[in-house]
Amino acid sequence: MEATRCHALTPNLLPLCLLVLMAPGAAMATTVACQPVVVTPCLVANNSGPYTITDPSQLTFQIVIGPNLQGEDALGNTATYSIGSSGMQLAADPADPLAQNRAAAAGLLNSGSIEPNPGGAVVITNSTTGFVAGFVDTPFTQRVDQYLTTIQSVLNGSTQVYQQTFALPFSDPVVQAAVAQANSILSGDGATFGAPQLILSNISQSGSQTSYVTTGQSTTGDTLVSTFDTFGPAFVATGDNQSLLFTVLAGQLDINVNTEIFYATDRNVTTTNTFLTTQTYEIDGATITGSPVPEPSTWALLGLGLCIIARCWRVHNAS
């Protein structure tokens, strides 16, 4: 049966989503459990979790009400899925837990891990299994800043004498060294200059990336309890994670109660947002030319000439 599982769920939403496994052709999910009189769409379950059926013909087991709402096969084996957060129960297919136990028992035949048989006509054994599906995500956000900083110096408003761009912020020592170099060039040209002026600044998001780190597993609170009968001689897998082999004696009936515990994978989900800061700083320098000496006035020159002539005349007459 194809399955579409719910992912990236918080603990309170995970049971509501029921790790929903959509049956083939199912057009919608539902939170209504299938009853003995089946009205679709409704929910049932198997050993992978709940799923939606849209037609009664999709059921491969009967739905009955015993101690709980449960699924039952032709041999009387039963299974009930319980949603931990709400206590809601679903009829479940007992075929999968039974097949899983048979496979586990076959794998244990040569292991030597055998559970003692207490004897008697009827014996009750217990086992557990686990199933992991879905995620419980803890979100984190972090910011990464990148820079493009340009330093330029301009002489007399039009001549660019220095320009350099750095993938560093303005405060970085490398950029400050470039400022000193630009100042040195202006000084060499005989210019006066002030502090760098910010003439262009822009901040834009250049990217975003999400990473996932698995931190462990946690129980969802959901369980699938199945009960099946085995007549001996036969073998049944018992114990935690069906790790022990139990031998059912000839003529003996074993009733195995298996509890499947459902887990979700815990993850830290980190979203890294990258921002680019683009800035241009300009240092403006100017050279100072000397002021021209004013030329003597024409009238002043004429007056000076007349004074010289008058003096010379007096000297001549005195002689």
C-alpha atoms as a PDB file:
ATOM      1  CA  MET A   1       0.000   0.000   0.000  1.00  0.00           C
ATOM      2  CA  GLU A   2       1.515   3.315  -1.037  1.00  0.00           C
ATOM      3  CA  ALA A   3       2.000   5.800   1.766  1.00  0.00           C
ATOM      4  CA  THR A   4       2.409   9.535   2.071  1.00  0.00           C
ATOM      5  CA  ARG A   5       3.765  10.343   5.500  1.00  0.00           C
ATOM      6  CA  CYS A   6       3.528  13.636   7.328  1.00  0.00           C
ATOM      7  CA  HIS A   7       6.838  15.374   7.951  1.00  0.00           C
ATOM      8  CA  ALA A   8       8.291  18.262   9.954  1.00  0.00           C
ATOM      9  CA  LEU A   9       5.602  18.195  12.619  1.00  0.00           C
ATOM     10  CA  THR A  10       5.617  19.715  16.066  1.00  0.00           C
ATOM     11  CA  PRO A  11       4.736  17.286  18.868  1.00  0.00           C
ATOM     12  CA  ASN A  12       1.189  18.589  19.203  1.00  0.00           C
ATOM     13  CA  LEU A  13       0.483  18.353  15.472  1.00  0.00           C
ATOM     14  CA  LEU A  14       2.078  14.979  14.887  1.00  0.00           C
ATOM     15  CA  PRO A  15      -0.738  12.948  16.435  1.00  0.00           C
ATOM     16  CA  LEU A  16      -3.365  15.101  14.708  1.00  0.00           C
ATOM     17  CA  CYS A  17      -1.774  14.378  11.396  1.00  0.00           C
ATOM     18  CA  LEU A  18      -1.626  10.758  12.547  1.00  0.00           C
ATOM     19  CA  LEU A  19       1.431  10.270  10.376  1.00  0.00           C
ATOM     20  CA  VAL A  20      -1.340  10.012   7.815  1.00  0.00           C
ATOM     21  CA  LEU A  21      -0.783   7.244   5.312  1.00  0.00           C
ATOM     22  CA  MET A  22      -3.023   7.866   2.350  1.00  0.00           C
ATOM     23  CA  ALA A  23      -4.450   4.756   0.728  1.00  0.00           C
ATOM     24  CA  PRO A  24      -4.294   4.558  -3.071  1.00  0.00           C
ATOM     25  CA  GLY A  25      -6.896   6.806  -4.574  1.00  0.00           C
ATOM     26  CA  ALA A  26      -7.671   8.574  -1.314  1.00  0.00           C
ATOM     27  CA  ALA A  27      -8.705  12.118  -2.108  1.00  0.00           C
ATOM     28  CA  MET A  28      -8.575  13.482   1.424  1.00  0.00           C
ATOM     29  CA  ALA A  29      -7.424  12.809   4.936  1.00  0.00           C
ATOM     30  CA  THR A  30      -9.875  12.614   7.813  1.00  0.00           C
ATOM     31  CA  THR A  31      -9.844  12.365  11.602  1.00  0.00           C
ATOM     32  CA  VAL A  32     -12.879  10.053  11.774  1.00  0.00           C
ATOM     33  CA  ALA A  33     -12.241   6.433  12.743  1.00  0.00           C
ATOM     34  CA  CYS A  34     -13.817   3.696  10.661  1.00  0.00           C
ATOM     35  CA  GLN A  35     -16.604   1.867  12.484  1.00  0.00           C
ATOM     36  CA  PRO A  36     -18.086  -1.644  12.034  1.00  0.00           C
ATOM     37  CA  VAL A  37     -20.559  -0.053   9.641  1.00  0.00           C
ATOM     38  CA  VAL A  38     -18.012   1.597   7.368  1.00  0.00           C
ATOM     39  CA  VAL A  39     -18.749   5.137   6.204  1.00  0.00           C
ATOM     40  CA  THR A  40     -15.919   6.499   4.108  1.00  0.00           C
ATOM     41  CA  PRO A  41     -13.660   8.384   4.128  1.00  0.00           C
ATOM     42  CA  CYS A  42     -12.412   7.179   7.498  1.00  0.00           C
ATOM     43  CA  LEU A  43      -9.233   6.110   9.246  1.00  0.00           C
ATOM     44  CA  VAL A  44      -7.799   2.693   9.970  1.00  0.00           C
ATOM     45  CA  ALA A  45      -4.207   1.677  10.656  1.00  0.00           C
ATOM     46  CA  ASN A  46      -1.490  -0.873  10.073  1.00  0.00           C
ATOM     47  CA  ASN A  47       1.941  -1.322  11.631  1.00  0.00           C
ATOM     48  CA  SER A  48       3.182   1.790   9.783  1.00  0.00           C
ATOM     49  CA  GLY A  49       0.503   4.070  11.213  1.00  0.00           C
ATOM     50  CA  PRO A  50      -2.959   5.394  10.275  1.00  0.00           C
ATOM     51  CA  TYR A  51      -4.198   5.752   6.734  1.00  0.00           C
ATOM     52  CA  THR A  52      -7.414   6.834   5.024  1.00  0.00           C
ATOM     53  CA  ILE A  53      -9.701   4.571   3.094  1.00  0.00           C
ATOM     54  CA  THR A  54     -12.221   5.918   0.635  1.00  0.00           C
ATOM     55  CA  ASP A  55     -14.082   2.700  -0.136  1.00  0.00           C
ATOM     56  CA  PRO A  56     -15.055  -0.256   2.124  1.00  0.00           C
ATOM     57  CA  SER A  57     -13.553  -2.648  -0.436  1.00  0.00           C
ATOM     58  CA  GLN A  58     -10.103  -1.436   0.599  1.00  0.00           C
ATOM     59  CA  LEU A  59     -10.444  -3.157   3.969  1.00  0.00           C
ATOM     60  CA  THR A  60      -8.730  -6.563   4.275  1.00  0.00           C
ATOM     61  CA  PHE A  61     -10.019  -7.195   7.817  1.00  0.00           C
ATOM     62  CA  GLN A  62     -13.197  -6.763   9.818  1.00  0.00           C
ATOM     63  CA  ILE A  63     -13.843  -3.909  12.213  1.00  0.00           C
ATOM     64  CA  VAL A  64     -15.302  -5.039  15.505  1.00  0.00           C
ATOM     65  CA  ILE A  65     -15.932  -3.552  18.918  1.00  0.00           C
ATOM     66  CA  GLY A  66     -14.510  -5.726  21.670  1.00  0.00           C
ATOM     67  CA  PRO A  67     -12.734  -4.233  24.643  1.00  0.00           C
ATOM     68  CA  ASN A  68     -11.651  -1.600  22.112  1.00  0.00           C
ATOM     69  CA  LEU A  69     -12.377  -0.657  18.535  1.00  0.00           C
ATOM     70  CA  GLN A  70     -10.227  -3.198  16.722  1.00  0.00           C
ATOM     71  CA  GLY A  71      -9.458  -4.928  13.477  1.00  0.00           C
ATOM     72  CA  GLU A  72      -9.890  -8.688  13.336  1.00  0.00           C
ATOM     73  CA  ASP A  73      -8.910 -11.310  10.770  1.00  0.00           C
ATOM     74  CA  ALA A  74     -10.558 -14.665  10.000  1.00  0.00           C
ATOM     75  CA  LEU A  75      -8.437 -16.428  12.667  1.00  0.00           C
ATOM     76  CA  GLY A  76      -9.498 -14.091  15.456  1.00  0.00           C
ATOM     77  CA  ASN A  77      -6.240 -12.134  15.595  1.00  0.00           C
ATOM     78  CA  THR A  78      -6.849  -8.498  16.570  1.00  0.00           C
ATOM     79  CA  ALA A  79      -5.103  -5.117  16.463  1.00  0.00           C
ATOM     80  CA  THR A  80      -5.904  -1.646  17.820  1.00  0.00           C
ATOM     81  CA  TYR A  81      -4.058   1.600  17.092  1.00  0.00           C
ATOM     82  CA  SER A  82      -4.199   4.253  19.841  1.00  0.00           C
ATOM     83  CA  ILE A  83      -3.367   7.930  19.382  1.00  0.00           C
ATOM     84  CA  GLY A  84      -1.586   9.036  22.516  1.00  0.00           C
ATOM     85  CA  SER A  85      -2.504  12.710  22.527  1.00  0.00           C
ATOM     86  CA  SER A  86      -6.240  12.270  22.137  1.00  0.00           C
ATOM     87  CA  GLY A  87      -6.936   8.673  23.184  1.00  0.00           C
ATOM     88  CA  MET A  88      -8.608   8.096  19.823  1.00  0.00           C
ATOM     89  CA  GLN A  89      -8.600   4.445  18.739  1.00  0.00           C
ATOM     90  CA  LEU A  90      -8.506   2.993  15.249  1.00  0.00           C
ATOM     91  CA  ALA A  91      -9.144  -0.494  13.984  1.00  0.00           C
ATOM     92  CA  ALA A  92      -5.851  -1.886  12.700  1.00  0.00           C
ATOM     93  CA  ASP A  93      -4.859  -4.684  10.349  1.00  0.00           C
ATOM     94  CA  PRO A  94      -3.495  -7.627  12.412  1.00  0.00           C
ATOM     95  CA  ALA A  95      -1.811  -9.218   9.393  1.00  0.00           C
ATOM     96  CA  ASP A  96       1.296  -7.034   9.432  1.00  0.00           C
ATOM     97  CA  PRO A  97       2.174  -7.472  13.150  1.00  0.00           C
ATOM     98  CA  LEU A  98       1.679 -11.228  12.768  1.00  0.00           C
ATOM     99  CA  ALA A  99       3.945 -11.401   9.717  1.00  0.00           C
ATOM    100  CA  GLN A 100       6.527  -9.272  11.501  1.00  0.00           C
ATOM    101  CA  ASN A 101       6.573 -11.631  14.481  1.00  0.00           C
ATOM    102  CA  ARG A 102       6.891 -14.719  12.291  1.00  0.00           C
ATOM    103  CA  ALA A 103       9.864 -13.161  10.485  1.00  0.00           C
ATOM    104  CA  ALA A 104      11.520 -12.215  13.782  1.00  0.00           C
ATOM    105  CA  ALA A 105      11.052 -15.744  15.158  1.00  0.00           C
ATOM    106  CA  ALA A 106      12.634 -17.245  12.056  1.00  0.00           C
ATOM    107  CA  GLY A 107      15.622 -14.963  12.485  1.00  0.00           C
ATOM    108  CA  LEU A 108      16.058 -16.061  16.122  1.00  0.00           C
ATOM    109  CA  LEU A 109      16.050 -19.805  15.512  1.00  0.00           C
ATOM    110  CA  ASN A 110      19.845 -20.069  15.611  1.00  0.00           C
ATOM    111  CA  SER A 111      20.515 -17.251  18.095  1.00  0.00           C
ATOM    112  CA  GLY A 112      20.275 -19.259  21.304  1.00  0.00           C
ATOM    113  CA  SER A 113      18.207 -16.475  23.046  1.00  0.00           C
ATOM    114  CA  ILE A 114      15.284 -18.606  24.237  1.00  0.00           C
ATOM    115  CA  GLU A 115      12.560 -17.608  26.674  1.00  0.00           C
ATOM    116  CA  PRO A 116      11.598 -20.422  29.080  1.00  0.00           C
ATOM    117  CA  ASN A 117       8.211 -22.060  28.582  1.00  0.00           C
ATOM    118  CA  PRO A 118       6.198 -22.284  31.834  1.00  0.00           C
ATOM    119  CA  GLY A 119       4.042 -25.097  30.453  1.00  0.00           C
ATOM    120  CA  GLY A 120       0.281 -25.369  30.506  1.00  0.00           C
ATOM    121  CA  ALA A 121      -2.362 -25.583  27.828  1.00  0.00           C
ATOM    122  CA  VAL A 122      -2.490 -21.824  27.306  1.00  0.00           C
ATOM    123  CA  VAL A 123       0.371 -19.395  27.736  1.00  0.00           C
ATOM    124  CA  ILE A 124       0.439 -15.626  27.272  1.00  0.00           C
ATOM    125  CA  THR A 125       3.602 -13.969  25.982  1.00  0.00           C
ATOM    126  CA  ASN A 126       4.481 -10.323  25.392  1.00  0.00           C
ATOM    127  CA  SER A 127       6.680  -8.534  22.901  1.00  0.00           C
ATOM    128  CA  THR A 128       7.443  -5.016  21.724  1.00  0.00           C
ATOM    129  CA  THR A 129       8.432  -3.446  18.414  1.00  0.00           C
ATOM    130  CA  GLY A 130       9.147   0.092  17.270  1.00  0.00           C
ATOM    131  CA  PHE A 131       8.410   2.169  14.210  1.00  0.00           C
ATOM    132  CA  VAL A 132       9.963   5.503  13.278  1.00  0.00           C
ATOM    133  CA  ALA A 133       8.125   7.929  11.007  1.00  0.00           C
ATOM    134  CA  GLY A 134       7.842  11.693  10.702  1.00  0.00           C
ATOM    135  CA  PHE A 135       9.908  14.461  12.267  1.00  0.00           C
ATOM    136  CA  VAL A 136       9.744  16.766  15.260  1.00  0.00           C
ATOM    137  CA  ASP A 137      11.610  19.908  14.201  1.00  0.00           C
ATOM    138  CA  THR A 138      13.099  22.608  16.412  1.00  0.00           C
ATOM    139  CA  PRO A 139      13.616  25.734  14.271  1.00  0.00           C
ATOM    140  CA  PHE A 140      16.633  28.040  14.500  1.00  0.00           C
ATOM    141  CA  THR A 141      17.536  31.099  12.442  1.00  0.00           C
ATOM    142  CA  GLN A 142      20.960  32.639  11.978  1.00  0.00           C
ATOM    143  CA  ARG A 143      22.286  35.550   9.938  1.00  0.00           C
ATOM    144  CA  VAL A 144      25.489  35.749   7.921  1.00  0.00           C
ATOM    145  CA  ASP A 145      26.711  39.157   6.731  1.00  0.00           C
ATOM    146  CA  GLN A 146      28.944  39.590   3.699  1.00  0.00           C
ATOM    147  CA  TYR A 147      30.502  42.826   2.481  1.00  0.00           C
ATOM    148  CA  LEU A 148      31.694  44.623  -0.625  1.00  0.00           C
ATOM    149  CA  THR A 149      33.432  47.831   0.456  1.00  0.00           C
ATOM    150  CA  THR A 150      34.941  50.194  -2.112  1.00  0.00           C
ATOM    151  CA  ILE A 151      37.475  52.887  -1.200  1.00  0.00           C
ATOM    152  CA  GLN A 152      38.127  55.581  -3.779  1.00  0.00           C
ATOM    153  CA  SER A 153      39.872  58.942  -3.774  1.00  0.00           C
ATOM    154  CA  VAL A 154      39.176  61.805  -6.191  1.00  0.00           C
ATOM    155  CA  LEU A 155      41.409  64.793  -6.878  1.00  0.00           C
ATOM    156  CA  ASN A 156      39.880  68.180  -7.645  1.00  0.00           C
ATOM    157  CA  GLY A 157      36.426  66.699  -8.132  1.00  0.00           C
ATOM    158  CA  SER A 158      37.171  64.787 -11.339  1.00  0.00           C
ATOM    159  CA  THR A 159      40.385  62.798 -11.308  1.00  0.00           C
ATOM    160  CA  GLN A 160      40.173  59.404  -9.632  1.00  0.00           C
ATOM    161  CA  VAL A 161      43.573  58.562  -8.214  1.00  0.00           C
ATOM    162  CA  TYR A 162      42.658  55.441  -6.205  1.00  0.00           C
ATOM    163  CA  GLN A 163      39.969  52.747  -6.158  1.00  0.00           C
ATOM    164  CA  GLN A 164      39.914  49.320  -4.529  1.00  0.00           C
ATOM    165  CA  THR A 165      37.089  46.948  -3.499  1.00  0.00           C
ATOM    166  CA  PHE A 166      37.283  44.524  -0.566  1.00  0.00           C
ATOM    167  CA  ALA A 167      35.059  41.676   0.631  1.00  0.00           C
ATOM    168  CA  LEU A 168      35.370  43.134   4.119  1.00  0.00           C
ATOM    169  CA  PRO A 169      33.543  45.695   6.283  1.00  0.00           C
ATOM    170  CA  PHE A 170      34.782  49.289   6.442  1.00  0.00           C
ATOM    171  CA  SER A 171      36.087  48.779   9.980  1.00  0.00           C
ATOM    172  CA  ASP A 172      38.391  45.939   8.984  1.00  0.00           C
ATOM    173  CA  PRO A 173      42.124  46.765   9.342  1.00  0.00           C
ATOM    174  CA  VAL A 174      42.736  45.833   5.693  1.00  0.00           C
ATOM    175  CA  VAL A 175      40.169  48.396   4.539  1.00  0.00           C
ATOM    176  CA  GLN A 176      41.553  51.003   6.926  1.00  0.00           C
ATOM    177  CA  ALA A 177      44.996  50.387   5.456  1.00  0.00           C
ATOM    178  CA  ALA A 178      43.521  51.115   2.022  1.00  0.00           C
ATOM    179  CA  VAL A 179      42.132  54.404   3.364  1.00  0.00           C
ATOM    180  CA  ALA A 180      45.627  55.319   4.550  1.00  0.00           C
ATOM    181  CA  GLN A 181      47.045  54.438   1.135  1.00  0.00           C
ATOM    182  CA  ALA A 182      44.461  56.618  -0.631  1.00  0.00           C
ATOM    183  CA  ASN A 183      45.294  59.499   1.729  1.00  0.00           C
ATOM    184  CA  SER A 184      48.980  59.030   0.991  1.00  0.00           C
ATOM    185  CA  ILE A 185      48.375  59.321  -2.745  1.00  0.00           C
ATOM    186  CA  LEU A 186      46.444  62.562  -2.262  1.00  0.00           C
ATOM    187  CA  SER A 187      49.180  63.907  -0.007  1.00  0.00           C
ATOM    188  CA  GLY A 188      51.746  63.096  -2.673  1.00  0.00           C
ATOM    189  CA  ASP A 189      49.732  65.161  -5.123  1.00  0.00           C
ATOM    190  CA  GLY A 190      49.888  68.123  -2.756  1.00  0.00           C
ATOM    191  CA  ALA A 191      46.178  67.925  -1.992  1.00  0.00           C
ATOM    192  CA  THR A 192      44.261  68.555   1.183  1.00  0.00           C
ATOM    193  CA  PHE A 193      41.461  66.120   2.038  1.00  0.00           C
ATOM    194  CA  GLY A 194      38.979  65.171   4.698  1.00  0.00           C
ATOM    195  CA  ALA A 195      37.646  61.934   6.169  1.00  0.00           C
ATOM    196  CA  PRO A 196      36.114  59.264   3.887  1.00  0.00           C
ATOM    197  CA  GLN A 197      32.493  60.008   3.025  1.00  0.00           C
ATOM    198  CA  LEU A 198      29.892  57.252   2.559  1.00  0.00           C
ATOM    199  CA  ILE A 199      28.377  57.956  -0.862  1.00  0.00           C
ATOM    200  CA  LEU A 200      26.680  54.579  -1.530  1.00  0.00           C
ATOM    201  CA  SER A 201      25.175  52.000   0.826  1.00  0.00           C
ATOM    202  CA  ASN A 202      22.872  49.077   0.151  1.00  0.00           C
ATOM    203  CA  ILE A 203      21.905  45.933   2.130  1.00  0.00           C
ATOM    204  CA  SER A 204      20.190  43.055   0.320  1.00  0.00           C
ATOM    205  CA  GLN A 205      19.488  39.404   1.067  1.00  0.00           C
ATOM    206  CA  SER A 206      21.668  37.324  -1.204  1.00  0.00           C
ATOM    207  CA  GLY A 207      20.594  33.820  -0.163  1.00  0.00           C
ATOM    208  CA  SER A 208      18.922  31.473   2.294  1.00  0.00           C
ATOM    209  CA  GLN A 209      19.787  27.883   3.144  1.00  0.00           C
ATOM    210  CA  THR A 210      18.161  25.326   5.444  1.00  0.00           C
ATOM    211  CA  SER A 211      20.102  22.539   7.137  1.00  0.00           C
ATOM    212  CA  TYR A 212      18.883  19.575   9.195  1.00  0.00           C
ATOM    213  CA  VAL A 213      20.705  17.946  12.103  1.00  0.00           C
ATOM    214  CA  THR A 214      19.223  14.835  13.699  1.00  0.00           C
ATOM    215  CA  THR A 215      19.382  15.032  17.496  1.00  0.00           C
ATOM    216  CA  GLY A 216      17.603  11.819  18.470  1.00  0.00           C
ATOM    217  CA  GLN A 217      14.198  10.208  18.622  1.00  0.00           C
ATOM    218  CA  SER A 218      11.149  10.730  20.784  1.00  0.00           C
ATOM    219  CA  THR A 219       7.946   8.784  21.251  1.00  0.00           C
ATOM    220  CA  THR A 220       4.818  10.212  19.691  1.00  0.00           C
ATOM    221  CA  GLY A 221       2.571   8.552  22.271  1.00  0.00           C
ATOM    222  CA  ASP A 222       0.950   6.355  19.609  1.00  0.00           C
ATOM    223  CA  THR A 223       0.859   2.562  19.998  1.00  0.00           C
ATOM    224  CA  LEU A 224      -0.419  -0.437  18.079  1.00  0.00           C
ATOM    225  CA  VAL A 225      -1.442  -3.360  20.293  1.00  0.00           C
ATOM    226  CA  SER A 226      -1.997  -6.635  18.464  1.00  0.00           C
ATOM    227  CA  THR A 227      -2.972 -10.068  19.755  1.00  0.00           C
ATOM    228  CA  PHE A 228      -2.578 -13.302  17.830  1.00  0.00           C
ATOM    229  CA  ASP A 229      -2.863 -17.003  18.623  1.00  0.00           C
ATOM    230  CA  THR A 230      -0.228 -19.627  17.833  1.00  0.00           C
ATOM    231  CA  PHE A 231      -0.792 -23.369  18.275  1.00  0.00           C
ATOM    232  CA  GLY A 232       2.265 -25.517  18.925  1.00  0.00           C
ATOM    233  CA  PRO A 233       4.565 -26.848  17.945  1.00  0.00           C
ATOM    234  CA  ALA A 234       5.744 -23.459  16.727  1.00  0.00           C
ATOM    235  CA  PHE A 235       7.978 -20.514  17.540  1.00  0.00           C
ATOM    236  CA  VAL A 236       7.062 -16.968  18.601  1.00  0.00           C
ATOM    237  CA  ALA A 237       9.299 -13.904  19.002  1.00  0.00           C
ATOM    238  CA  THR A 238       8.907 -12.308  22.449  1.00  0.00           C
ATOM    239  CA  GLY A 239      10.570  -9.706  24.673  1.00  0.00           C
ATOM    240  CA  ASP A 240      11.727  -6.173  23.929  1.00  0.00           C
ATOM    241  CA  ASN A 241      12.113  -5.603  20.193  1.00  0.00           C
ATOM    242  CA  GLN A 242      11.090  -9.268  19.737  1.00  0.00           C
ATOM    243  CA  SER A 243      14.587 -10.326  20.781  1.00  0.00           C
ATOM    244  CA  LEU A 244      13.738 -13.661  22.468  1.00  0.00           C
ATOM    245  CA  LEU A 245      12.581 -16.935  20.957  1.00  0.00           C
ATOM    246  CA  PHE A 246       9.675 -18.696  22.635  1.00  0.00           C
ATOM    247  CA  THR A 247       8.932 -22.328  21.801  1.00  0.00           C
ATOM    248  CA  VAL A 248       5.233 -23.179  21.737  1.00  0.00           C
ATOM    249  CA  LEU A 249       4.901 -26.826  22.725  1.00  0.00           C
ATOM    250  CA  ALA A 250       2.823 -29.342  20.829  1.00  0.00           C
ATOM    251  CA  GLY A 251      -0.829 -28.962  21.785  1.00  0.00           C
ATOM    252  CA  GLN A 252      -0.139 -25.658  23.527  1.00  0.00           C
ATOM    253  CA  LEU A 253      -1.789 -22.333  22.653  1.00  0.00           C
ATOM    254  CA  ASP A 254       0.297 -19.173  22.873  1.00  0.00           C
ATOM    255  CA  ILE A 255      -1.456 -15.812  22.939  1.00  0.00           C
ATOM    256  CA  ASN A 256       1.100 -13.160  22.098  1.00  0.00           C
ATOM    257  CA  VAL A 257       0.404  -9.507  22.886  1.00  0.00           C
ATOM    258  CA  ASN A 258       2.689  -7.216  20.929  1.00  0.00           C
ATOM    259  CA  THR A 259       2.935  -3.480  21.591  1.00  0.00           C
ATOM    260  CA  GLU A 260       4.404  -1.415  18.779  1.00  0.00           C
ATOM    261  CA  ILE A 261       5.694   1.980  19.916  1.00  0.00           C
ATOM    262  CA  PHE A 262       5.834   4.836  17.437  1.00  0.00           C
ATOM    263  CA  TYR A 263       8.724   7.289  17.344  1.00  0.00           C
ATOM    264  CA  ALA A 264       9.493  10.497  15.502  1.00  0.00           C
ATOM    265  CA  THR A 265      12.956  11.742  14.535  1.00  0.00           C
ATOM    266  CA  ASP A 266      14.010  14.885  16.390  1.00  0.00           C
ATOM    267  CA  ARG A 267      15.838  17.465  14.293  1.00  0.00           C
ATOM    268  CA  ASN A 268      17.305  20.926  14.625  1.00  0.00           C
ATOM    269  CA  VAL A 269      16.311  22.873  11.533  1.00  0.00           C
ATOM    270  CA  THR A 270      18.553  25.882  10.969  1.00  0.00           C
ATOM    271  CA  THR A 271      17.738  28.526   8.383  1.00  0.00           C
ATOM    272  CA  THR A 272      20.771  30.616   7.459  1.00  0.00           C
ATOM    273  CA  ASN A 273      19.971  33.961   5.822  1.00  0.00           C
ATOM    274  CA  THR A 274      22.857  35.682   4.028  1.00  0.00           C
ATOM    275  CA  PHE A 275      22.898  39.467   3.556  1.00  0.00           C
ATOM    276  CA  LEU A 276      25.262  41.493   1.352  1.00  0.00           C
ATOM    277  CA  THR A 277      26.233  45.014   2.419  1.00  0.00           C
ATOM    278  CA  THR A 278      27.590  47.087  -0.484  1.00  0.00           C
ATOM    279  CA  GLN A 279      29.239  50.403   0.427  1.00  0.00           C
ATOM    280  CA  THR A 280      31.405  52.999  -1.332  1.00  0.00           C
ATOM    281  CA  TYR A 281      33.534  55.510   0.585  1.00  0.00           C
ATOM    282  CA  GLU A 282      35.083  58.489  -1.213  1.00  0.00           C
ATOM    283  CA  ILE A 283      37.952  60.724  -0.124  1.00  0.00           C
ATOM    284  CA  ASP A 284      37.919  64.080  -1.893  1.00  0.00           C
ATOM    285  CA  GLY A 285      41.158  66.039  -2.217  1.00  0.00           C
ATOM    286  CA  ALA A 286      41.966  69.456  -3.714  1.00  0.00           C
ATOM    287  CA  THR A 287      45.187  71.217  -4.568  1.00  0.00           C
ATOM    288  CA  ILE A 288      45.597  74.962  -3.552  1.00  0.00           C
ATOM    289  CA  THR A 289      47.208  77.291  -6.156  1.00  0.00           C
ATOM    290  CA  GLY A 290      48.978  80.518  -4.930  1.00  0.00           C
ATOM    291  CA  SER A 291      47.094  83.855  -5.275  1.00  0.00           C
ATOM    292  CA  PRO A 292      48.622  86.108  -8.068  1.00  0.00           C
ATOM    293  CA  VAL A 293      50.418  89.343  -6.968  1.00  0.00           C
ATOM    294  CA  PRO A 294      48.248  92.275  -8.106  1.00  0.00           C
ATOM    295  CA  GLU A 295      49.885  94.325 -10.869  1.00  0.00           C
ATOM    296  CA  PRO A 296      50.588  98.028  -9.999  1.00  0.00           C
ATOM    297  CA  SER A 297      47.943 100.408 -11.124  1.00  0.00           C
ATOM    298  CA  THR A 298      48.717 102.361 -14.321  1.00  0.00           C
ATOM    299  CA  TRP A 299      47.948 105.644 -12.514  1.00  0.00           C
ATOM    300  CA  ALA A 300      50.300 104.667  -9.703  1.00  0.00           C
ATOM    301  CA  LEU A 301      53.067 104.046 -12.211  1.00  0.00           C
ATOM    302  CA  LEU A 302      52.368 107.395 -13.889  1.00  0.00           C
ATOM    303  CA  GLY A 303      52.442 109.190 -10.536  1.00  0.00           C
ATOM    304  CA  LEU A 304      55.721 107.549  -9.641  1.00  0.00           C
ATOM    305  CA  GLY A 305      57.189 108.613 -12.964  1.00  0.00           C
ATOM    306  CA  LEU A 306      56.134 112.247 -12.471  1.00  0.00           C
ATOM    307  CA  CYS A 307      57.670 112.284  -9.013  1.00  0.00           C
ATOM    308  CA  ILE A 308      60.965 111.055 -10.406  1.00  0.00           C
ATOM    309  CA  ILE A 309      60.916 113.712 -13.178  1.00  0.00           C
ATOM    310  CA  ALA A 310      60.150 116.518 -10.692  1.00  0.00           C
ATOM    311  CA  ARG A 311      63.028 115.487  -8.437  1.00  0.00           C
ATOM    312  CA  CYS A 312      65.430 115.338 -11.317  1.00  0.00           C
ATOM    313  CA  TRP A 313      64.317 118.901 -12.384  1.00  0.00           C
ATOM    314  CA  ARG A 314      65.002 120.329  -8.951  1.00  0.00           C
ATOM    315  CA  VAL A 315      68.420 118.745  -8.830  1.00  0.00           C
ATOM    316  CA  HIS A 316      69.230 120.228 -12.244  1.00  0.00           C
ATOM    317  CA  ASN A 317      68.176 123.770 -11.300  1.00  0.00           C
ATOM    318  CA  ALA A 318      70.056 123.677  -8.055  1.00  0.00           C
ATOM    319  CA  SER A 319      73.215 122.938  -9.928  1.00  0.00           C
END
